[in-house]
Amino acid sequence: MSFQVDTQIPHSNGCNISIREKNGTAVVSFSPHPHGGPEALWFCFRLKRTDRGSGEAKLILENPTNLLGGSRPETFRPVIRYEEEEWQRLTPGEVKELPDGRLEVSWLVRAPEDYLDFALCYPYGKPELEKLMEAGRGFWQQDIIGVSQKGRPILRLSNDYGQEGGSRPGLYLLARQHSGETPGSWVLDGFLRYTASLGKEAPLVWAVPFANIDGVEQGDYGKDNFPYDLNRAWGAPPMRYETLVLKRDLARWKARCRPVLAIDFHAPGASENDGIYCFLQKPGVSLEKYEEGKGWSDKIAAKLGPKFAAPSFGRIARYSSRWETANFTTFCAAELDVCALSFETPYFSIKEHVLTMEDYREAGARIAEAVISMIR
């Protein structure tokens, strides 16, 4: 059998790739590419067959403990699809300790007749956004609010532009500041689908689905990427051009509605599977916004229920950061006087429950229902 790996597909990421044959099985070893950053996690590539035949393929992720949150690779459950079929979750891989103590984790799959795509989690890009727009049946307006550092358009969805001094309650939503954190996009997708179902009863919503569009298109993981992590670039002056664009748009939004809440959708370290949780504003930045956020988070946790919510839901970020500059929630509290929450949704599972695309959407709909019920 003969195969090759294609890393030129959308959102592709993979390096140190080797392909060999062992006892009739194609063995493909790879590592996620850090793309110049100090963290790696996201991977996505295509395994193409160049001959005819059947058999199996073994996909080996090398050195998983080097990845962000990779301490328990036995929890990893990436996704696969054959040709144009639907994405599906794999079962947990086989973890093997090498003679020098390094680990690898592998998955034995059916070899493709033509090709298979393999990724850390369900990808979410322009095709998925187009399906969201189609499902909304004209509910969402798309506008370009600026460009990225590499000149790609930054899209914002909205159901209403509001008006200067407007009193309609408003929400501002953001995803993919860390471009590989695709669970955040799927949860946002569910949030927006629920909002669209309300029609004219919905609040004013502005949403940026791909904040780090360069990273999304290039297949970057995006966490702490140089020259500056997008979610640590919210100081004055901003340290990324995308952040400048987003700041200007947030100011427009605030001026055209009654600002209620801003939300940023993320995903945590790879091995985390306690459930969805959110980071609140640090009390030292704004005690008022911390307490306001606690009220939001308690309501949302109750709506998510034990199926989705982590036992410890509303949290204060206490992990080490490479930058001490302001993030999205800090900017919203300190500069806009708006409460903001940052949600973390696991890549693979919540406890024993394996997460599907529909699970992510359901979680997003539940968050939206909780939030909107509090502002009616």
Protein backbone atom coordinates (compact mmCIF):
# COMPACT_ATOMS: atom_id res chain seq x y z
CA MET A 1 0.00 0.00 0.00
CA SER A 2 1.11 3.57 -0.64
CA PHE A 3 0.06 6.76 1.16
CA GLN A 4 1.02 10.39 1.51
CA VAL A 5 0.06 13.09 4.01
CA ASP A 6 -1.45 16.36 2.81
CA THR A 7 -0.96 19.34 5.15
CA GLN A 8 -2.39 21.87 2.70
CA ILE A 9 -6.05 21.29 3.50
CA PRO A 10 -7.98 24.00 5.40
CA HIS A 11 -6.83 24.48 9.01
CA SER A 12 -4.04 21.94 8.46
CA ASN A 13 -1.35 21.32 11.03
CA GLY A 14 1.17 18.54 11.35
CA CYS A 15 4.92 18.04 11.24
CA ASN A 16 7.67 15.47 11.79
CA ILE A 17 5.55 13.13 9.69
CA SER A 18 6.75 9.67 8.75
CA ILE A 19 4.93 6.90 6.87
CA ARG A 20 6.02 3.28 6.87
CA GLU A 21 4.44 -0.11 6.39
CA LYS A 22 4.40 -2.80 9.08
CA ASN A 23 2.72 -6.16 8.58
CA GLY A 24 0.34 -4.72 6.00
CA THR A 25 -0.57 -1.68 8.12
CA ALA A 26 0.30 1.88 7.14
CA VAL A 27 1.95 3.47 10.19
CA VAL A 28 1.77 7.29 10.24
CA SER A 29 3.67 9.12 13.00
CA PHE A 30 3.25 12.87 13.50
CA SER A 31 3.47 15.81 15.89
CA PRO A 32 1.37 18.98 16.11
CA HIS A 33 3.29 21.95 14.71
CA PRO A 34 3.72 24.89 17.14
CA HIS A 35 3.87 27.32 14.18
CA GLY A 36 6.38 29.52 15.94
CA GLY A 37 4.57 29.65 19.28
CA PRO A 38 5.53 28.26 22.70
CA GLU A 39 2.50 25.92 22.87
CA ALA A 40 1.20 23.21 20.54
CA LEU A 41 -1.99 21.15 20.54
CA TRP A 42 -4.06 21.53 17.37
CA PHE A 43 -3.50 19.10 14.48
CA CYS A 44 -5.38 18.46 11.26
CA PHE A 45 -4.19 16.65 8.12
CA ARG A 46 -5.27 14.36 5.28
CA LEU A 47 -3.97 10.84 4.68
CA LYS A 48 -4.30 10.07 0.95
CA ARG A 49 -4.00 6.70 -0.72
CA THR A 50 -1.96 6.64 -3.93
CA ASP A 51 -2.81 3.07 -4.90
CA ARG A 52 -5.75 0.71 -4.65
CA GLY A 53 -6.29 -1.63 -1.75
CA SER A 54 -7.67 -2.14 1.73
CA GLY A 55 -6.18 -2.71 5.15
CA GLU A 56 -5.59 -0.61 8.24
CA ALA A 57 -3.74 2.56 9.19
CA LYS A 58 -2.14 3.31 12.54
CA LEU A 59 -2.00 7.00 13.45
CA ILE A 60 0.62 7.75 16.10
CA LEU A 61 0.73 11.04 18.01
CA GLU A 62 4.26 11.37 19.33
CA ASN A 63 5.23 13.05 22.61
CA PRO A 64 1.68 13.98 23.68
CA THR A 65 2.90 15.21 27.07
CA ASN A 66 4.59 18.13 25.29
CA LEU A 67 1.15 19.47 24.37
CA LEU A 68 -0.86 21.93 26.43
CA GLY A 69 -2.82 19.81 28.89
CA GLY A 70 -1.33 16.60 27.51
CA SER A 71 -0.60 14.96 30.85
CA ARG A 72 -3.31 12.31 30.35
CA PRO A 73 -3.17 11.21 26.70
CA GLU A 74 -5.46 8.30 27.51
CA THR A 75 -8.30 10.87 27.49
CA PHE A 76 -7.61 12.01 23.91
CA ARG A 77 -10.41 11.24 21.44
CA PRO A 78 -9.71 13.00 18.14
CA VAL A 79 -12.02 12.97 15.12
CA ILE A 80 -11.82 11.33 11.70
CA ARG A 81 -13.78 11.35 8.47
CA TYR A 82 -13.50 9.35 5.26
CA GLU A 83 -13.84 11.35 2.04
CA GLU A 84 -17.02 13.44 2.35
CA GLU A 85 -18.57 11.48 5.20
CA GLU A 86 -19.45 13.02 8.56
CA TRP A 87 -16.83 13.50 11.24
CA GLN A 88 -16.82 10.85 13.96
CA ARG A 89 -15.07 10.47 17.30
CA LEU A 90 -12.44 7.83 17.78
CA THR A 91 -12.24 5.72 20.92
CA PRO A 92 -9.39 6.44 23.36
CA GLY A 93 -6.03 5.58 21.83
CA GLU A 94 -3.43 3.08 22.95
CA VAL A 95 -0.83 4.77 25.15
CA LYS A 96 2.63 3.27 24.93
CA GLU A 97 5.70 4.08 27.02
CA LEU A 98 8.93 3.99 25.05
CA PRO A 99 12.22 2.63 26.47
CA ASP A 100 13.43 6.12 27.42
CA GLY A 101 10.17 7.05 29.20
CA ARG A 102 8.57 9.07 26.42
CA LEU A 103 4.94 8.34 25.55
CA GLU A 104 3.05 7.95 22.31
CA VAL A 105 -0.66 7.43 21.71
CA SER A 106 -2.04 5.68 18.65
CA TRP A 107 -5.31 4.85 16.91
CA LEU A 108 -5.83 1.90 14.58
CA VAL A 109 -8.36 2.81 11.88
CA ARG A 110 -9.60 1.48 8.59
CA ALA A 111 -7.32 2.62 5.79
CA PRO A 112 -9.11 4.93 3.34
CA GLU A 113 -10.02 3.96 -0.22
CA ASP A 114 -9.21 7.52 -1.26
CA TYR A 115 -8.42 9.70 1.78
CA LEU A 116 -9.24 10.35 5.40
CA ASP A 117 -9.04 13.57 7.43
CA PHE A 118 -7.79 13.45 11.00
CA ALA A 119 -8.03 16.30 13.52
CA LEU A 120 -7.81 17.02 17.24
CA CYS A 121 -11.48 18.03 17.36
CA TYR A 122 -14.26 18.89 14.94
CA PRO A 123 -12.93 21.69 12.71
CA TYR A 124 -15.01 24.85 12.41
CA GLY A 125 -14.33 27.27 9.58
CA LYS A 126 -16.04 29.12 6.76
CA PRO A 127 -18.16 26.16 5.53
CA GLU A 128 -19.61 25.67 9.01
CA LEU A 129 -20.28 29.39 9.31
CA GLU A 130 -22.10 29.33 5.96
CA LYS A 131 -24.36 26.54 7.28
CA LEU A 132 -25.12 28.68 10.33
CA MET A 133 -26.04 31.59 8.08
CA GLU A 134 -28.28 29.36 5.94
CA ALA A 135 -30.02 27.98 9.03
CA GLY A 136 -30.71 31.57 10.16
CA ARG A 137 -32.65 32.31 6.95
CA GLY A 138 -31.57 35.91 6.73
CA PHE A 139 -31.55 36.57 10.48
CA TRP A 140 -27.83 37.40 10.49
CA GLN A 141 -26.10 40.23 8.67
CA GLN A 142 -22.38 39.81 7.88
CA ASP A 143 -20.06 42.81 7.90
CA ILE A 144 -16.30 43.22 7.65
CA ILE A 145 -15.17 45.25 10.67
CA GLY A 146 -11.49 45.31 9.72
CA VAL A 147 -8.64 43.05 8.67
CA SER A 148 -6.12 40.82 10.40
CA GLN A 149 -2.39 41.38 10.66
CA LYS A 150 -2.05 39.46 7.39
CA GLY A 151 -4.89 41.27 5.66
CA ARG A 152 -7.71 38.74 6.00
CA PRO A 153 -11.20 40.18 6.61
CA ILE A 154 -12.58 39.94 10.16
CA LEU A 155 -16.29 39.16 9.99
CA ARG A 156 -18.94 40.23 12.46
CA LEU A 157 -22.48 38.87 12.52
CA SER A 158 -25.35 40.96 13.83
CA ASN A 159 -29.13 40.79 13.93
CA ASP A 160 -29.52 44.55 14.34
CA TYR A 161 -27.23 47.56 14.13
CA GLY A 162 -29.06 49.41 16.87
CA GLN A 163 -28.79 53.18 16.94
CA GLU A 164 -26.79 55.79 18.80
CA GLY A 165 -28.04 55.89 22.38
CA GLY A 166 -30.25 52.85 21.76
CA SER A 167 -31.86 51.05 24.70
CA ARG A 168 -32.23 47.55 23.25
CA PRO A 169 -30.32 45.06 25.44
CA GLY A 170 -27.13 43.97 23.74
CA LEU A 171 -24.74 41.01 23.80
CA TYR A 172 -21.25 40.88 22.28
CA LEU A 173 -19.86 37.42 21.52
CA LEU A 174 -16.36 36.35 20.52
CA ALA A 175 -14.69 33.06 19.60
CA ARG A 176 -11.31 31.75 18.45
CA GLN A 177 -8.95 34.23 20.01
CA HIS A 178 -6.94 31.01 20.28
CA SER A 179 -7.49 29.71 16.80
CA GLY A 180 -7.28 25.96 17.48
CA GLU A 181 -9.94 26.02 20.22
CA THR A 182 -12.75 24.81 17.96
CA PRO A 183 -15.14 23.73 20.77
CA GLY A 184 -15.66 27.44 21.42
CA SER A 185 -16.91 27.89 17.86
CA TRP A 186 -19.37 25.01 18.11
CA VAL A 187 -20.77 26.39 21.38
CA LEU A 188 -21.08 29.86 19.82
CA ASP A 189 -22.84 28.22 16.86
CA GLY A 190 -25.44 26.76 19.21
CA PHE A 191 -25.83 30.11 20.98
CA LEU A 192 -26.46 31.90 17.69
CA ARG A 193 -28.88 29.26 16.40
CA TYR A 194 -30.96 29.60 19.56
CA THR A 195 -30.89 33.39 19.26
CA ALA A 196 -32.09 33.23 15.66
CA SER A 197 -35.01 31.00 16.73
CA LEU A 198 -36.35 33.89 18.83
CA GLY A 199 -36.78 36.17 15.84
CA LYS A 200 -37.72 39.73 16.80
CA GLU A 201 -37.81 38.76 20.47
CA ALA A 202 -34.02 38.33 20.51
CA PRO A 203 -31.75 40.96 22.03
CA LEU A 204 -29.30 42.83 19.84
CA VAL A 205 -26.37 40.46 19.24
CA TRP A 206 -23.01 41.19 17.64
CA ALA A 207 -20.68 38.20 17.22
CA VAL A 208 -17.16 37.74 15.85
CA PRO A 209 -16.80 34.03 15.05
CA PHE A 210 -13.10 34.08 14.04
CA ALA A 211 -11.21 36.66 16.08
CA ASN A 212 -7.83 35.19 15.10
CA ILE A 213 -8.71 34.53 11.47
CA ASP A 214 -5.06 34.21 10.41
CA GLY A 215 -4.54 31.42 12.92
CA VAL A 216 -7.78 29.70 11.90
CA GLU A 217 -6.81 29.65 8.23
CA GLN A 218 -3.18 28.70 8.89
CA GLY A 219 -3.97 25.91 11.33
CA ASP A 220 -2.24 27.59 14.28
CA TYR A 221 -3.04 26.43 17.77
CA GLY A 222 -2.90 30.09 18.77
CA LYS A 223 -2.42 29.86 22.53
CA ASP A 224 0.37 32.28 23.50
CA ASN A 225 1.48 32.52 19.87
CA PHE A 226 4.10 35.15 19.11
CA PRO A 227 4.25 38.06 18.58
CA TYR A 228 1.44 38.28 21.16
CA ASP A 229 -1.39 36.10 22.37
CA LEU A 230 -4.53 37.76 21.04
CA ASN A 231 -6.27 37.37 24.41
CA ARG A 232 -3.38 39.13 26.15
CA ALA A 233 -3.25 42.01 23.69
CA TRP A 234 -6.10 44.12 25.09
CA GLY A 235 -3.98 46.71 26.86
CA ALA A 236 -3.54 50.36 25.92
CA PRO A 237 -2.23 50.53 23.29
CA PRO A 238 -3.36 47.13 21.95
CA MET A 239 -0.56 44.74 21.03
CA ARG A 240 -2.32 43.14 18.03
CA TYR A 241 -4.04 44.82 15.10
CA GLU A 242 -6.99 42.42 15.45
CA THR A 243 -7.48 43.64 19.01
CA LEU A 244 -7.56 47.25 17.85
CA VAL A 245 -10.30 46.28 15.35
CA LEU A 246 -12.28 44.47 18.04
CA LYS A 247 -11.93 47.35 20.50
CA ARG A 248 -13.35 49.78 17.95
CA ASP A 249 -16.26 47.43 17.26
CA LEU A 250 -17.01 46.92 20.94
CA ALA A 251 -17.15 50.70 21.38
CA ARG A 252 -19.63 50.96 18.48
CA TRP A 253 -21.74 48.17 19.98
CA LYS A 254 -21.83 49.81 23.40
CA ALA A 255 -22.90 53.14 21.88
CA ARG A 256 -25.79 51.54 19.95
CA CYS A 257 -27.50 49.43 22.63
CA ARG A 258 -27.88 48.89 26.35
CA PRO A 259 -24.82 46.66 26.88
CA VAL A 260 -25.68 43.66 29.04
CA LEU A 261 -22.93 41.07 28.70
CA ALA A 262 -19.89 40.15 26.62
CA ILE A 263 -18.81 36.51 26.20
CA ASP A 264 -15.59 34.94 24.94
CA PHE A 265 -15.63 31.24 23.95
CA HIS A 266 -12.52 29.07 24.45
CA ALA A 267 -11.36 25.50 25.11
CA PRO A 268 -9.06 24.40 27.98
CA GLY A 269 -6.06 22.07 28.18
CA ALA A 270 -6.39 18.82 26.24
CA SER A 271 -6.86 16.48 29.22
CA GLU A 272 -9.51 18.53 31.03
CA ASN A 273 -12.86 16.75 31.10
CA ASP A 274 -14.68 17.94 34.24
CA GLY A 275 -17.11 19.96 32.13
CA ILE A 276 -17.74 23.47 30.86
CA TYR A 277 -16.76 26.29 33.18
CA CYS A 278 -16.27 30.03 32.96
CA PHE A 279 -13.72 32.53 34.15
CA LEU A 280 -15.11 35.53 36.00
CA GLN A 281 -13.59 38.98 36.18
CA LYS A 282 -10.90 39.12 38.86
CA PRO A 283 -12.25 40.98 41.93
CA GLY A 284 -9.08 43.07 42.03
CA VAL A 285 -9.93 44.55 38.63
CA SER A 286 -13.60 45.17 39.39
CA LEU A 287 -15.42 43.76 42.41
CA GLU A 288 -18.70 44.99 40.94
CA LYS A 289 -18.18 43.10 37.67
CA TYR A 290 -16.99 40.02 39.54
CA GLU A 291 -20.21 39.93 41.57
CA GLU A 292 -22.32 40.65 38.49
CA GLY A 293 -20.54 37.86 36.62
CA LYS A 294 -21.14 35.47 39.50
CA GLY A 295 -24.87 36.05 39.11
CA TRP A 296 -24.68 35.27 35.40
CA SER A 297 -22.51 32.19 35.92
CA ASP A 298 -24.76 30.71 38.62
CA LYS A 299 -27.78 30.98 36.32
CA ILE A 300 -25.88 29.52 33.36
CA ALA A 301 -24.46 26.63 35.41
CA ALA A 302 -27.96 25.71 36.54
CA LYS A 303 -29.19 25.71 32.94
CA LEU A 304 -26.25 23.65 31.68
CA GLY A 305 -26.91 21.16 34.44
CA PRO A 306 -24.76 18.15 35.32
CA LYS A 307 -24.66 17.02 31.70
CA PHE A 308 -22.41 19.95 30.76
CA ALA A 309 -21.37 22.08 33.76
CA ALA A 310 -18.21 21.37 35.72
CA PRO A 311 -18.76 21.02 39.50
CA SER A 312 -16.60 24.11 39.94
CA PHE A 313 -18.17 26.42 37.36
CA GLY A 314 -17.48 30.11 38.03
CA ARG A 315 -13.72 30.47 38.49
CA ILE A 316 -10.96 33.04 38.81
CA ALA A 317 -8.01 32.49 36.45
CA ARG A 318 -4.94 31.78 38.55
CA TYR A 319 -2.69 30.04 36.02
CA SER A 320 0.64 31.54 34.94
CA SER A 321 0.59 33.78 31.90
CA ARG A 322 3.45 34.80 29.64
CA TRP A 323 1.97 38.30 29.49
CA GLU A 324 0.40 40.37 32.25
CA THR A 325 -1.38 42.74 29.90
CA ALA A 326 -5.16 43.01 29.82
CA ASN A 327 -7.33 40.28 28.33
CA PHE A 328 -10.81 40.54 26.84
CA THR A 329 -12.72 40.33 30.12
CA THR A 330 -10.42 42.82 31.84
CA PHE A 331 -10.79 45.31 28.99
CA CYS A 332 -14.58 45.01 29.06
CA ALA A 333 -14.72 45.63 32.82
CA ALA A 334 -12.05 48.31 33.13
CA GLU A 335 -12.55 50.27 29.91
CA LEU A 336 -16.17 49.65 28.89
CA ASP A 337 -17.77 49.04 32.31
CA VAL A 338 -19.37 45.89 30.85
CA CYS A 339 -19.51 42.49 32.52
CA ALA A 340 -17.70 39.77 30.54
CA LEU A 341 -17.33 36.01 30.91
CA SER A 342 -14.88 33.59 29.30
CA PHE A 343 -16.14 30.03 28.72
CA GLU A 344 -13.98 26.89 28.49
CA THR A 345 -15.44 23.80 26.77
CA PRO A 346 -13.52 20.49 26.64
CA TYR A 347 -12.24 18.98 23.39
CA PHE A 348 -13.23 15.36 23.88
CA SER A 349 -15.62 14.49 26.67
CA ILE A 350 -17.25 15.49 29.94
CA LYS A 351 -16.53 12.69 32.35
CA GLU A 352 -17.69 9.60 30.43
CA HIS A 353 -19.94 11.54 28.06
CA VAL A 354 -18.28 11.86 24.63
CA LEU A 355 -18.95 15.25 23.06
CA THR A 356 -20.50 15.50 19.60
CA MET A 357 -21.15 18.55 17.44
CA GLU A 358 -24.77 18.48 18.56
CA ASP A 359 -23.68 18.37 22.21
CA TYR A 360 -21.66 21.53 21.69
CA ARG A 361 -24.59 23.23 20.00
CA GLU A 362 -26.94 22.12 22.77
CA ALA A 363 -24.58 23.58 25.38
CA GLY A 364 -24.47 26.86 23.43
CA ALA A 365 -28.27 26.95 23.21
CA ARG A 366 -28.56 26.36 26.96
CA ILE A 367 -26.12 29.20 27.67
CA ALA A 368 -28.10 31.48 25.37
CA GLU A 369 -31.40 30.52 26.95
CA ALA A 370 -30.04 31.25 30.44
CA VAL A 371 -28.56 34.59 29.43
CA ILE A 372 -31.55 35.82 27.46
CA SER A 373 -33.99 34.77 30.18
CA MET A 374 -32.17 37.09 32.57
CA ILE A 375 -32.51 40.18 30.38
CA ARG A 376 -36.12 39.92 29.27
